[in-house]
PDB file of N, CA and C in Angstrom:
ATOM      1  N   MET A   1     124.619 112.992 140.285  1.00  0.00           N
ATOM      2  CA  MET A   1     124.431 112.167 139.628  1.00  0.00           C
ATOM      3  C   MET A   1     124.496 112.456 137.901  1.00  0.00           C
ATOM      4  N   THR A   2     124.790 111.810 136.879  1.00  0.00           N
ATOM      5  CA  THR A   2     125.022 112.280 135.709  1.00  0.00           C
ATOM      6  C   THR A   2     123.755 111.136 134.911  1.00  0.00           C
ATOM      7  N   MET A   3     123.163 111.837 134.130  1.00  0.00           N
ATOM      8  CA  MET A   3     122.270 110.896 133.353  1.00  0.00           C
ATOM      9  C   MET A   3     122.971 110.793 131.830  1.00  0.00           C
ATOM     10  N   SER A   4     122.853 109.426 131.347  1.00  0.00           N
ATOM     11  CA  SER A   4     123.448 109.111 129.979  1.00  0.00           C
ATOM     12  C   SER A   4     122.825 109.337 129.399  1.00  0.00           C
ATOM     13  N   PHE A   5     122.917 109.663 128.054  1.00  0.00           N
ATOM     14  CA  PHE A   5     121.877 109.604 126.976  1.00  0.00           C
ATOM     15  C   PHE A   5     120.995 108.467 126.460  1.00  0.00           C
ATOM     16  N   ALA A   6     121.647 107.310 126.852  1.00  0.00           N
ATOM     17  CA  ALA A   6     120.890 106.155 126.758  1.00  0.00           C
ATOM     18  C   ALA A   6     119.463 106.014 127.746  1.00  0.00           C
ATOM     19  N   ILE A   7     119.972 106.407 128.973  1.00  0.00           N
ATOM     20  CA  ILE A   7     118.912 106.769 129.873  1.00  0.00           C
ATOM     21  C   ILE A   7     117.890 107.840 129.524  1.00  0.00           C
ATOM     22  N   PHE A   8     118.268 108.756 129.053  1.00  0.00           N
ATOM     23  CA  PHE A   8     117.689 110.060 128.409  1.00  0.00           C
ATOM     24  C   PHE A   8     116.435 109.615 127.141  1.00  0.00           C
ATOM     25  N   PHE A   9     117.190 108.791 126.399  1.00  0.00           N
ATOM     26  CA  PHE A   9     116.268 108.526 125.102  1.00  0.00           C
ATOM     27  C   PHE A   9     115.485 107.206 125.585  1.00  0.00           C
ATOM     28  N   ALA A  10     116.194 106.270 126.468  1.00  0.00           N
ATOM     29  CA  ALA A  10     114.768 105.291 127.019  1.00  0.00           C
ATOM     30  C   ALA A  10     113.500 106.236 127.644  1.00  0.00           C
ATOM     31  N   GLY A  11     113.515 106.901 128.056  1.00  0.00           N
ATOM     32  CA  GLY A  11     112.861 108.004 128.698  1.00  0.00           C
ATOM     33  C   GLY A  11     111.643 108.360 127.765  1.00  0.00           C
ATOM     34  N   ILE A  12     112.343 108.928 126.676  1.00  0.00           N
ATOM     35  CA  ILE A  12     111.810 109.540 125.770  1.00  0.00           C
ATOM     36  C   ILE A  12     110.950 108.324 125.286  1.00  0.00           C
ATOM     37  N   PHE A  13     111.430 107.207 124.998  1.00  0.00           N
ATOM     38  CA  PHE A  13     111.005 105.819 124.134  1.00  0.00           C
ATOM     39  C   PHE A  13     109.781 105.259 124.987  1.00  0.00           C
ATOM     40  N   VAL A  14     109.809 105.694 126.358  1.00  0.00           N
ATOM     41  CA  VAL A  14     108.908 105.221 127.303  1.00  0.00           C
ATOM     42  C   VAL A  14     107.545 105.869 126.896  1.00  0.00           C
ATOM     43  N   ALA A  15     107.759 107.269 126.755  1.00  0.00           N
ATOM     44  CA  ALA A  15     106.815 108.018 126.804  1.00  0.00           C
ATOM     45  C   ALA A  15     106.083 107.993 125.648  1.00  0.00           C
ATOM     46  N   THR A  16     106.889 107.944 124.673  1.00  0.00           N
ATOM     47  CA  THR A  16     106.098 108.057 123.433  1.00  0.00           C
ATOM     48  C   THR A  16     105.017 106.513 123.088  1.00  0.00           C
ATOM     49  N   PHE A  17     105.999 105.702 123.386  1.00  0.00           N
ATOM     50  CA  PHE A  17     104.957 104.350 123.429  1.00  0.00           C
ATOM     51  C   PHE A  17     103.892 104.221 124.414  1.00  0.00           C
ATOM     52  N   ALA A  18     104.027 105.058 125.729  1.00  0.00           N
ATOM     53  CA  ALA A  18     102.718 104.999 126.675  1.00  0.00           C
ATOM     54  C   ALA A  18     101.938 105.904 125.820  1.00  0.00           C
ATOM     55  N   ILE A  19     101.953 106.956 125.310  1.00  0.00           N
ATOM     56  CA  ILE A  19     101.180 107.788 124.528  1.00  0.00           C
ATOM     57  C   ILE A  19     100.465 106.718 123.438  1.00  0.00           C
ATOM     58  N   ALA A  20     101.213 106.408 122.622  1.00  0.00           N
ATOM     59  CA  ALA A  20     100.429 105.386 121.404  1.00  0.00           C
ATOM     60  C   ALA A  20      99.705 104.528 122.211  1.00  0.00           C
ATOM     61  N   GLY A  21     100.088 103.724 123.346  1.00  0.00           N
ATOM     62  CA  GLY A  21      99.080 102.820 123.857  1.00  0.00           C
ATOM     63  C   GLY A  21      97.985 103.622 124.342  1.00  0.00           C
ATOM     64  N   LEU A  22      97.798 104.815 124.728  1.00  0.00           N
ATOM     65  CA  LEU A  22      96.777 105.780 125.114  1.00  0.00           C
ATOM     66  C   LEU A  22      95.708 106.001 123.929  1.00  0.00           C
ATOM     67  N   PHE A  23      96.629 106.187 123.224  1.00  0.00           N
ATOM     68  CA  PHE A  23      95.481 106.506 121.429  1.00  0.00           C
ATOM     69  C   PHE A  23      95.034 105.196 120.930  1.00  0.00           C
ATOM     70  N   PHE A  24      95.836 103.928 121.070  1.00  0.00           N
ATOM     71  CA  PHE A  24      94.918 102.671 120.688  1.00  0.00           C
ATOM     72  C   PHE A  24      93.910 102.515 121.357  1.00  0.00           C
ATOM     73  N   LEU A  25      94.188 102.565 123.123  1.00  0.00           N
ATOM     74  CA  LEU A  25      93.105 102.163 124.059  1.00  0.00           C
ATOM     75  C   LEU A  25      91.833 103.359 123.456  1.00  0.00           C
ATOM     76  N   LYS A  26      91.760 104.463 123.136  1.00  0.00           N
ATOM     77  CA  LYS A  26      90.805 105.387 122.525  1.00  0.00           C
ATOM     78  C   LYS A  26      90.048 104.590 121.412  1.00  0.00           C
ATOM     79  N   PHE A  27      91.004 104.253 120.123  1.00  0.00           N
ATOM     80  CA  PHE A  27      90.428 103.339 119.359  1.00  0.00           C
ATOM     81  C   PHE A  27      89.755 102.166 119.764  1.00  0.00           C
ATOM     82  N   TRP A  28      90.331 101.377 120.786  1.00  0.00           N
ATOM     83  CA  TRP A  28      89.888 100.278 121.060  1.00  0.00           C
ATOM     84  C   TRP A  28      88.301 100.406 121.832  1.00  0.00           C
ATOM     85  N   LYS A  29      88.364 101.335 122.509  1.00  0.00           N
ATOM     86  CA  LYS A  29      87.047 101.675 123.224  1.00  0.00           C
ATOM     87  C   LYS A  29      86.041 102.390 122.190  1.00  0.00           C
ATOM     88  N   ALA A  30      86.254 102.842 121.061  1.00  0.00           N
ATOM     89  CA  ALA A  30      85.270 103.317 120.355  1.00  0.00           C
ATOM     90  C   ALA A  30      85.075 102.017 118.989  1.00  0.00           C
ATOM     91  N   SER A  31      85.669 101.166 118.914  1.00  0.00           N
ATOM     92  CA  SER A  31      85.225 100.146 118.129  1.00  0.00           C
ATOM     93  C   SER A  31      85.052  99.031 118.753  1.00  0.00           C
ATOM     94  N   ARG A  32      85.690  98.433 119.833  1.00  0.00           N
ATOM     95  CA  ARG A  32      85.748  97.323 120.288  1.00  0.00           C
ATOM     96  C   ARG A  32      86.386  96.029 119.497  1.00  0.00           C
ATOM     97  N   ASP A  33      87.469  96.679 118.419  1.00  0.00           N
ATOM     98  CA  ASP A  33      88.083  95.927 117.705  1.00  0.00           C
ATOM     99  C   ASP A  33      89.172  95.331 118.501  1.00  0.00           C
ATOM    100  N   PRO A  34      89.605  94.016 118.627  1.00  0.00           N
ATOM    101  CA  PRO A  34      90.541  93.230 119.410  1.00  0.00           C
ATOM    102  C   PRO A  34      91.714  93.785 118.821  1.00  0.00           C
ATOM    103  N   PHE A  35      92.075  93.711 117.681  1.00  0.00           N
ATOM    104  CA  PHE A  35      93.167  94.163 116.765  1.00  0.00           C
ATOM    105  C   PHE A  35      93.684  95.670 117.577  1.00  0.00           C
ATOM    106  N   PHE A  36      93.138  96.434 117.975  1.00  0.00           N
ATOM    107  CA  PHE A  36      93.674  97.825 118.694  1.00  0.00           C
ATOM    108  C   PHE A  36      93.984  97.433 120.291  1.00  0.00           C
ATOM    109  N   LEU A  37      93.195  96.373 120.821  1.00  0.00           N
ATOM    110  CA  LEU A  37      93.972  96.018 122.371  1.00  0.00           C
ATOM    111  C   LEU A  37      94.943  95.383 122.088  1.00  0.00           C
ATOM    112  N   HIS A  38      95.257  94.578 121.018  1.00  0.00           N
ATOM    113  CA  HIS A  38      96.617  93.951 120.799  1.00  0.00           C
ATOM    114  C   HIS A  38      97.739  94.938 120.756  1.00  0.00           C
ATOM    115  N   PHE A  39      97.321  95.963 120.357  1.00  0.00           N
ATOM    116  CA  PHE A  39      98.235  96.818 120.051  1.00  0.00           C
ATOM    117  C   PHE A  39      98.378  97.681 121.126  1.00  0.00           C
ATOM    118  N   VAL A  40      97.676  97.994 122.234  1.00  0.00           N
ATOM    119  CA  VAL A  40      97.676  98.498 123.588  1.00  0.00           C
ATOM    120  C   VAL A  40      98.817  98.038 124.317  1.00  0.00           C
ATOM    121  N   ILE A  41      98.307  96.601 124.301  1.00  0.00           N
ATOM    122  CA  ILE A  41      99.380  95.465 125.399  1.00  0.00           C
ATOM    123  C   ILE A  41     100.838  95.494 124.342  1.00  0.00           C
ATOM    124  N   PHE A  42     100.793  95.719 123.391  1.00  0.00           N
ATOM    125  CA  PHE A  42     102.342  95.688 122.708  1.00  0.00           C
ATOM    126  C   PHE A  42     103.054  96.933 122.949  1.00  0.00           C
ATOM    127  N   CYS A  43     102.322  98.471 123.124  1.00  0.00           N
ATOM    128  CA  CYS A  43     103.024  99.213 123.295  1.00  0.00           C
ATOM    129  C   CYS A  43     103.443  99.475 124.811  1.00  0.00           C
ATOM    130  N   TRP A  44     102.392  98.940 125.610  1.00  0.00           N
ATOM    131  CA  TRP A  44     102.675  98.875 127.177  1.00  0.00           C
ATOM    132  C   TRP A  44     103.664  97.446 127.441  1.00  0.00           C
ATOM    133  N   MET A  45     103.960  96.971 126.806  1.00  0.00           N
ATOM    134  CA  MET A  45     104.759  95.901 127.068  1.00  0.00           C
ATOM    135  C   MET A  45     106.527  96.213 126.913  1.00  0.00           C
ATOM    136  N   ILE A  46     106.304  96.932 125.709  1.00  0.00           N
ATOM    137  CA  ILE A  46     107.155  97.737 124.886  1.00  0.00           C
ATOM    138  C   ILE A  46     107.970  98.634 126.402  1.00  0.00           C
ATOM    139  N   CYS A  47     106.667  99.526 126.719  1.00  0.00           N
ATOM    140  CA  CYS A  47     107.596 100.431 127.975  1.00  0.00           C
ATOM    141  C   CYS A  47     107.984  99.631 129.026  1.00  0.00           C
ATOM    142  N   LEU A  48     107.401  98.715 129.041  1.00  0.00           N
ATOM    143  CA  LEU A  48     107.723  97.502 130.616  1.00  0.00           C
ATOM    144  C   LEU A  48     109.278  97.380 130.207  1.00  0.00           C
ATOM    145  N   GLU A  49     109.165  97.021 128.974  1.00  0.00           N
ATOM    146  CA  GLU A  49     110.632  96.192 128.419  1.00  0.00           C
ATOM    147  C   GLU A  49     111.672  97.535 128.546  1.00  0.00           C
ATOM    148  N   ARG A  50     111.431  98.817 128.175  1.00  0.00           N
ATOM    149  CA  ARG A  50     112.735  99.847 128.369  1.00  0.00           C
ATOM    150  C   ARG A  50     112.954 100.289 129.667  1.00  0.00           C
ATOM    151  N   ILE A  51     111.770 100.095 130.590  1.00  0.00           N
ATOM    152  CA  ILE A  51     111.792 100.386 132.085  1.00  0.00           C
ATOM    153  C   ILE A  51     112.758  99.310 132.617  1.00  0.00           C
ATOM    154  N   THR A  52     112.697  98.249 132.156  1.00  0.00           N
ATOM    155  CA  THR A  52     113.008  97.035 132.909  1.00  0.00           C
ATOM    156  C   THR A  52     114.659  97.135 132.728  1.00  0.00           C
ATOM    157  N   ALA A  53     115.104  97.574 131.118  1.00  0.00           N
ATOM    158  CA  ALA A  53     116.456  97.534 131.011  1.00  0.00           C
ATOM    159  C   ALA A  53     117.139  98.730 131.277  1.00  0.00           C
ATOM    160  N   VAL A  54     116.230  99.564 131.824  1.00  0.00           N
ATOM    161  CA  VAL A  54     117.156 100.681 132.425  1.00  0.00           C
ATOM    162  C   VAL A  54     117.343 100.629 134.140  1.00  0.00           C
ATOM    163  N   VAL A  55     116.441  99.917 134.568  1.00  0.00           N
ATOM    164  CA  VAL A  55     116.278  99.563 135.711  1.00  0.00           C
ATOM    165  C   VAL A  55     117.603  98.559 136.217  1.00  0.00           C
ATOM    166  N   LEU A  56     117.724  97.444 135.020  1.00  0.00           N
ATOM    167  CA  LEU A  56     118.750  96.495 135.134  1.00  0.00           C
ATOM    168  C   LEU A  56     120.009  97.338 134.987  1.00  0.00           C
ATOM    169  N   GLU A  57     120.146  98.076 134.201  1.00  0.00           N
ATOM    170  CA  GLU A  57     121.283  98.780 133.703  1.00  0.00           C
ATOM    171  C   GLU A  57     121.854  99.567 135.278  1.00  0.00           C
ATOM    172  N   ILE A  58     121.157 100.011 135.778  1.00  0.00           N
ATOM    173  CA  ILE A  58     121.481 100.966 136.943  1.00  0.00           C
ATOM    174  C   ILE A  58     122.185  99.724 138.036  1.00  0.00           C
ATOM    175  N   THR A  59     121.193  98.894 138.119  1.00  0.00           N
ATOM    176  CA  THR A  59     121.349  98.018 139.019  1.00  0.00           C
ATOM    177  C   THR A  59     122.916  97.118 138.881  1.00  0.00           C
ATOM    178  N   GLN A  60     122.969  97.070 137.609  1.00  0.00           N
ATOM    179  CA  GLN A  60     124.122  96.548 137.369  1.00  0.00           C
ATOM    180  C   GLN A  60     125.666  97.120 137.337  1.00  0.00           C
ATOM    181  N   GLN A  61     125.243  98.564 137.489  1.00  0.00           N
ATOM    182  CA  GLN A  61     126.231  99.584 137.472  1.00  0.00           C
ATOM    183  C   GLN A  61     126.581  99.546 138.918  1.00  0.00           C
ATOM    184  N   SER A  62     125.670  99.550 139.863  1.00  0.00           N
ATOM    185  CA  SER A  62     126.061  99.517 141.466  1.00  0.00           C
ATOM    186  C   SER A  62     126.136  98.333 141.875  1.00  0.00           C
ATOM    187  N   LEU A  63     125.828  97.188 141.278  1.00  0.00           N
ATOM    188  CA  LEU A  63     125.932  96.052 141.997  1.00  0.00           C
ATOM    189  C   LEU A  63     126.837  94.941 141.477  1.00  0.00           C
ATOM    190  N   SER A  64     127.072  95.403 140.336  1.00  0.00           N
ATOM    191  CA  SER A  64     128.200  94.473 139.204  1.00  0.00           C
ATOM    192  C   SER A  64     127.343  93.294 138.949  1.00  0.00           C
ATOM    193  N   ALA A  65     126.061  93.053 138.630  1.00  0.00           N
ATOM    194  CA  ALA A  65     125.435  91.965 138.351  1.00  0.00           C
ATOM    195  C   ALA A  65     125.836  91.303 137.186  1.00  0.00           C
ATOM    196  N   ASN A  66     125.704  90.113 137.176  1.00  0.00           N
ATOM    197  CA  ASN A  66     125.967  89.382 135.518  1.00  0.00           C
ATOM    198  C   ASN A  66     125.214  89.386 134.769  1.00  0.00           C
ATOM    199  N   SER A  67     125.345  89.246 133.350  1.00  0.00           N
ATOM    200  CA  SER A  67     124.361  89.556 132.216  1.00  0.00           C
ATOM    201  C   SER A  67     122.922  88.709 132.126  1.00  0.00           C
ATOM    202  N   GLU A  68     123.397  87.672 133.106  1.00  0.00           N
ATOM    203  CA  GLU A  68     122.146  86.424 132.641  1.00  0.00           C
ATOM    204  C   GLU A  68     120.465  87.579 133.343  1.00  0.00           C
ATOM    205  N   THR A  69     120.888  88.334 134.222  1.00  0.00           N
ATOM    206  CA  THR A  69     119.601  88.937 134.402  1.00  0.00           C
ATOM    207  C   THR A  69     119.002  89.918 133.103  1.00  0.00           C
ATOM    208  N   LEU A  70     119.794  90.180 132.090  1.00  0.00           N
ATOM    209  CA  LEU A  70     119.373  90.899 131.181  1.00  0.00           C
ATOM    210  C   LEU A  70     118.623  90.012 130.131  1.00  0.00           C
ATOM    211  N   ILE A  71     118.276  88.730 130.656  1.00  0.00           N
ATOM    212  CA  ILE A  71     117.107  88.208 129.554  1.00  0.00           C
ATOM    213  C   ILE A  71     116.189  88.237 129.818  1.00  0.00           C
ATOM    214  N   TRP A  72     115.459  88.833 130.838  1.00  0.00           N
ATOM    215  CA  TRP A  72     114.046  89.392 131.118  1.00  0.00           C
ATOM    216  C   TRP A  72     113.828  90.532 130.094  1.00  0.00           C
ATOM    217  N   VAL A  73     114.544  91.573 129.702  1.00  0.00           N
ATOM    218  CA  VAL A  73     114.584  92.241 128.834  1.00  0.00           C
ATOM    219  C   VAL A  73     114.048  91.584 127.620  1.00  0.00           C
ATOM    220  N   TYR A  74     114.843  90.553 127.090  1.00  0.00           N
ATOM    221  CA  TYR A  74     114.367  89.996 125.694  1.00  0.00           C
ATOM    222  C   TYR A  74     113.288  89.220 125.753  1.00  0.00           C
ATOM    223  N   VAL A  75     112.816  88.608 126.948  1.00  0.00           N
ATOM    224  CA  VAL A  75     111.510  87.677 127.078  1.00  0.00           C
ATOM    225  C   VAL A  75     110.449  88.708 126.837  1.00  0.00           C
ATOM    226  N   ILE A  76     110.641  89.916 127.349  1.00  0.00           N
ATOM    227  CA  ILE A  76     109.183  90.779 127.414  1.00  0.00           C
ATOM    228  C   ILE A  76     109.402  91.726 125.852  1.00  0.00           C
ATOM    229  N   ARG A  77     110.415  92.000 125.388  1.00  0.00           N
ATOM    230  CA  ARG A  77     110.332  92.146 124.011  1.00  0.00           C
ATOM    231  C   ARG A  77     109.816  91.010 122.983  1.00  0.00           C
ATOM    232  N   LEU A  78     110.088  89.710 123.478  1.00  0.00           N
ATOM    233  CA  LEU A  78     109.674  88.752 122.604  1.00  0.00           C
ATOM    234  C   LEU A  78     108.276  88.477 122.933  1.00  0.00           C
ATOM    235  N   LEU A  79     107.688  88.621 123.929  1.00  0.00           N
ATOM    236  CA  LEU A  79     106.176  88.459 124.262  1.00  0.00           C
ATOM    237  C   LEU A  79     105.645  89.780 123.160  1.00  0.00           C
ATOM    238  N   ALA A  80     105.736  90.858 123.586  1.00  0.00           N
ATOM    239  CA  ALA A  80     105.136  91.894 122.542  1.00  0.00           C
ATOM    240  C   ALA A  80     105.415  91.676 121.492  1.00  0.00           C
ATOM    241  N   PHE A  81     106.045  91.285 120.779  1.00  0.00           N
ATOM    242  CA  PHE A  81     106.109  91.025 119.222  1.00  0.00           C
ATOM    243  C   PHE A  81     105.424  89.749 118.983  1.00  0.00           C
ATOM    244  N   ALA A  82     105.370  88.999 120.107  1.00  0.00           N
ATOM    245  CA  ALA A  82     104.208  87.710 119.581  1.00  0.00           C
ATOM    246  C   ALA A  82     103.024  88.286 119.961  1.00  0.00           C
ATOM    247  N   VAL A  83     102.373  89.338 120.832  1.00  0.00           N
ATOM    248  CA  VAL A  83     101.378  89.921 120.671  1.00  0.00           C
ATOM    249  C   VAL A  83     101.066  90.497 119.288  1.00  0.00           C
ATOM    250  N   ILE A  84     101.814  91.249 118.631  1.00  0.00           N
ATOM    251  CA  ILE A  84     101.861  91.931 117.516  1.00  0.00           C
ATOM    252  C   ILE A  84     101.448  90.763 115.946  1.00  0.00           C
ATOM    253  N   LEU A  85     102.359  90.061 116.284  1.00  0.00           N
ATOM    254  CA  LEU A  85     102.264  88.808 115.534  1.00  0.00           C
ATOM    255  C   LEU A  85     100.874  88.131 115.386  1.00  0.00           C
ATOM    256  N   SER A  86     100.163  87.858 116.738  1.00  0.00           N
ATOM    257  CA  SER A  86      98.838  87.032 116.806  1.00  0.00           C
ATOM    258  C   SER A  86      97.839  88.036 116.471  1.00  0.00           C
ATOM    259  N   ALA A  87      97.899  89.328 116.519  1.00  0.00           N
ATOM    260  CA  ALA A  87      97.210  90.259 115.939  1.00  0.00           C
ATOM    261  C   ALA A  87      97.078  90.615 114.796  1.00  0.00           C
ATOM    262  N   ILE A  88      98.013  90.610 113.917  1.00  0.00           N
ATOM    263  CA  ILE A  88      98.223  90.274 112.527  1.00  0.00           C
ATOM    264  C   ILE A  88      97.787  89.308 111.996  1.00  0.00           C
ATOM    265  N   LEU A  89      98.118  88.180 112.480  1.00  0.00           N
ATOM    266  CA  LEU A  89      97.677  86.576 111.967  1.00  0.00           C
ATOM    267  C   LEU A  89      95.881  86.735 112.184  1.00  0.00           C
ATOM    268  N   LYS A  90      95.617  86.936 113.646  1.00  0.00           N
ATOM    269  CA  LYS A  90      93.864  86.996 113.429  1.00  0.00           C
ATOM    270  C   LYS A  90      93.419  87.941 112.881  1.00  0.00           C
ATOM    271  N   LYS A  91      93.816  88.923 112.429  1.00  0.00           N
ATOM    272  CA  LYS A  91      92.966  90.036 111.646  1.00  0.00           C
ATOM    273  C   LYS A  91      92.791  89.711 110.095  1.00  0.00           C
ATOM    274  N   ASN A  92      94.054  88.772 109.933  1.00  0.00           N
ATOM    275  CA  ASN A  92      93.643  88.500 108.551  1.00  0.00           C
ATOM    276  C   ASN A  92      93.368  86.941 108.327  1.00  0.00           C
ATOM    277  N   GLY A  93      92.672  86.452 109.356  1.00  0.00           N
ATOM    278  CA  GLY A  93      91.981  85.348 109.360  1.00  0.00           C
ATOM    279  C   GLY A  93      92.449  84.017 109.358  1.00  0.00           C
ATOM    280  N   TYR A  94      93.905  83.914 110.111  1.00  0.00           N
ATOM    281  CA  TYR A  94      94.605  82.919 110.189  1.00  0.00           C
ATOM    282  C   TYR A  94      94.212  82.077 111.585  1.00  0.00           C
ATOM    283  N   PHE A  95      93.721  82.693 112.259  1.00  0.00           N
ATOM    284  CA  PHE A  95      93.256  81.861 113.559  1.00  0.00           C
ATOM    285  C   PHE A  95      91.468  82.341 113.573  1.00  0.00           C
ATOM    286  N   GLY A  96      91.036  81.925 114.771  1.00  0.00           N
ATOM    287  CA  GLY A  96      89.725  81.837 114.373  1.00  0.00           C
ATOM    288  C   GLY A  96      89.023  83.045 115.050  1.00  0.00           C
ATOM    289  N   ARG A  97      87.903  83.513 114.643  1.00  0.00           N
ATOM    290  CA  ARG A  97      87.612  85.023 115.440  1.00  0.00           C
ATOM    291  C   ARG A  97      86.660  84.411 116.347  1.00  0.00           C
TER     292      ARG A  97
END
């Protein structure tokens, strides 16, 4: 079984964002600032998005599934960036505290 570069780099991407999420979790535990908690959620959602993309890529190769299943990758990514946007807007006072 050969491993493509895309899957290899997706693994590096997942590991990097998972570690970044752990760092933000450490900062959140120290300060209890919800801004850091939003970044934890963002990092781990991006990890989930990459894992989902790789799993769908592997299953599409073996099952020849259609591209409609890839919508979940984009939905997870959209939700992750919505979390970051809400964190920034809340930190700048656009939402109630």
